[in-house]
Amino acid sequence: MAFKDVLSLCGRIGLIVAAFAFVAGIIAGPLLERIWSSPLTVTQNNDNPLPVPPKVPADPQTGKPG
């Protein structure tokens, strides 16, 4: 084979490999992004807080009159 033919063959093989790598990158990109990225969590701030329960005295005699 002449040098020109070998160079042409290597060029074709290089283009085929580059095309496969390009298509594989397009396909694998979104899949790998889901695997590697951490899930984003969003919390909602409630305007109405939960009601506070009434405080119970520690000593039951404290609340009774005399």
C-alpha atoms as a PDB file:
ATOM      1  CA  MET A   1       0.000   0.000   0.000  1.00  0.00           C
ATOM      2  CA  ALA A   2       1.155   3.473  -0.703  1.00  0.00           C
ATOM      3  CA  PHE A   3       1.651   5.972   2.088  1.00  0.00           C
ATOM      4  CA  LYS A   4      -1.274   7.964   0.756  1.00  0.00           C
ATOM      5  CA  ASP A   5      -3.606   4.942   1.065  1.00  0.00           C
ATOM      6  CA  VAL A   6      -2.460   4.175   4.630  1.00  0.00           C
ATOM      7  CA  LEU A   7      -3.000   7.780   5.634  1.00  0.00           C
ATOM      8  CA  SER A   8      -6.474   7.702   4.077  1.00  0.00           C
ATOM      9  CA  LEU A   9      -7.349   4.485   5.935  1.00  0.00           C
ATOM     10  CA  CYS A  10      -6.144   5.916   9.262  1.00  0.00           C
ATOM     11  CA  GLY A  11      -8.189   9.054   8.625  1.00  0.00           C
ATOM     12  CA  ARG A  12     -11.335   7.046   7.981  1.00  0.00           C
ATOM     13  CA  ILE A  13     -10.824   4.936  11.095  1.00  0.00           C
ATOM     14  CA  GLY A  14     -10.205   8.091  13.123  1.00  0.00           C
ATOM     15  CA  LEU A  15     -13.414   9.674  11.858  1.00  0.00           C
ATOM     16  CA  ILE A  16     -15.407   6.532  12.655  1.00  0.00           C
ATOM     17  CA  VAL A  17     -13.995   6.413  16.206  1.00  0.00           C
ATOM     18  CA  ALA A  18     -14.695  10.122  16.673  1.00  0.00           C
ATOM     19  CA  ALA A  19     -18.285   9.686  15.460  1.00  0.00           C
ATOM     20  CA  PHE A  20     -18.895   6.797  17.865  1.00  0.00           C
ATOM     21  CA  ALA A  21     -17.390   8.782  20.751  1.00  0.00           C
ATOM     22  CA  PHE A  22     -19.581  11.784  19.883  1.00  0.00           C
ATOM     23  CA  VAL A  23     -22.777   9.711  19.789  1.00  0.00           C
ATOM     24  CA  ALA A  24     -21.810   7.873  22.993  1.00  0.00           C
ATOM     25  CA  GLY A  25     -21.241  11.223  24.719  1.00  0.00           C
ATOM     26  CA  ILE A  26     -24.657  12.480  23.673  1.00  0.00           C
ATOM     27  CA  ILE A  27     -26.340   9.323  24.938  1.00  0.00           C
ATOM     28  CA  ALA A  28     -24.325   8.887  28.141  1.00  0.00           C
ATOM     29  CA  GLY A  29     -24.322  12.555  29.191  1.00  0.00           C
ATOM     30  CA  PRO A  30     -27.867  12.757  30.593  1.00  0.00           C
ATOM     31  CA  LEU A  31     -27.610   9.290  32.133  1.00  0.00           C
ATOM     32  CA  LEU A  32     -24.388  10.080  33.969  1.00  0.00           C
ATOM     33  CA  GLU A  33     -25.741  13.454  35.078  1.00  0.00           C
ATOM     34  CA  ARG A  34     -28.588  11.710  36.922  1.00  0.00           C
ATOM     35  CA  ILE A  35     -26.190   9.320  38.607  1.00  0.00           C
ATOM     36  CA  TRP A  36     -23.509  11.804  39.643  1.00  0.00           C
ATOM     37  CA  SER A  37     -25.608  14.808  40.608  1.00  0.00           C
ATOM     38  CA  SER A  38     -26.990  15.018  44.121  1.00  0.00           C
ATOM     39  CA  PRO A  39     -30.754  15.336  44.460  1.00  0.00           C
ATOM     40  CA  LEU A  40     -31.973  18.854  45.111  1.00  0.00           C
ATOM     41  CA  THR A  41     -34.487  19.185  47.921  1.00  0.00           C
ATOM     42  CA  VAL A  42     -36.681  22.224  48.372  1.00  0.00           C
ATOM     43  CA  THR A  43     -38.570  22.918  51.572  1.00  0.00           C
ATOM     44  CA  GLN A  44     -41.593  25.147  51.923  1.00  0.00           C
ATOM     45  CA  ASN A  45     -41.789  27.683  54.721  1.00  0.00           C
ATOM     46  CA  ASN A  46     -45.230  27.638  56.328  1.00  0.00           C
ATOM     47  CA  ASP A  47     -46.671  31.011  57.268  1.00  0.00           C
ATOM     48  CA  ASN A  48     -48.824  29.440  59.980  1.00  0.00           C
ATOM     49  CA  PRO A  49     -46.589  27.826  62.598  1.00  0.00           C
ATOM     50  CA  LEU A  50     -47.863  24.896  64.618  1.00  0.00           C
ATOM     51  CA  PRO A  51     -49.699  25.912  67.813  1.00  0.00           C
ATOM     52  CA  VAL A  52     -47.589  25.680  70.954  1.00  0.00           C
ATOM     53  CA  PRO A  53     -49.062  23.298  73.532  1.00  0.00           C
ATOM     54  CA  PRO A  54     -49.827  24.854  76.930  1.00  0.00           C
ATOM     55  CA  LYS A  55     -47.156  24.432  79.575  1.00  0.00           C
ATOM     56  CA  VAL A  56     -48.005  22.020  82.356  1.00  0.00           C
ATOM     57  CA  PRO A  57     -46.671  23.037  85.779  1.00  0.00           C
ATOM     58  CA  ALA A  58     -44.092  20.670  87.229  1.00  0.00           C
ATOM     59  CA  ASP A  59     -45.691  20.728  90.678  1.00  0.00           C
ATOM     60  CA  PRO A  60     -49.422  19.920  90.640  1.00  0.00           C
ATOM     61  CA  GLN A  61     -49.982  22.102  93.757  1.00  0.00           C
ATOM     62  CA  THR A  62     -48.575  25.224  92.067  1.00  0.00           C
ATOM     63  CA  GLY A  63     -51.725  26.120  90.123  1.00  0.00           C
ATOM     64  CA  LYS A  64     -54.239  25.585  92.997  1.00  0.00           C
ATOM     65  CA  PRO A  65     -55.256  28.447  95.298  1.00  0.00           C
ATOM     66  CA  GLY A  66     -54.460  28.193  98.894  1.00  0.00           C
END
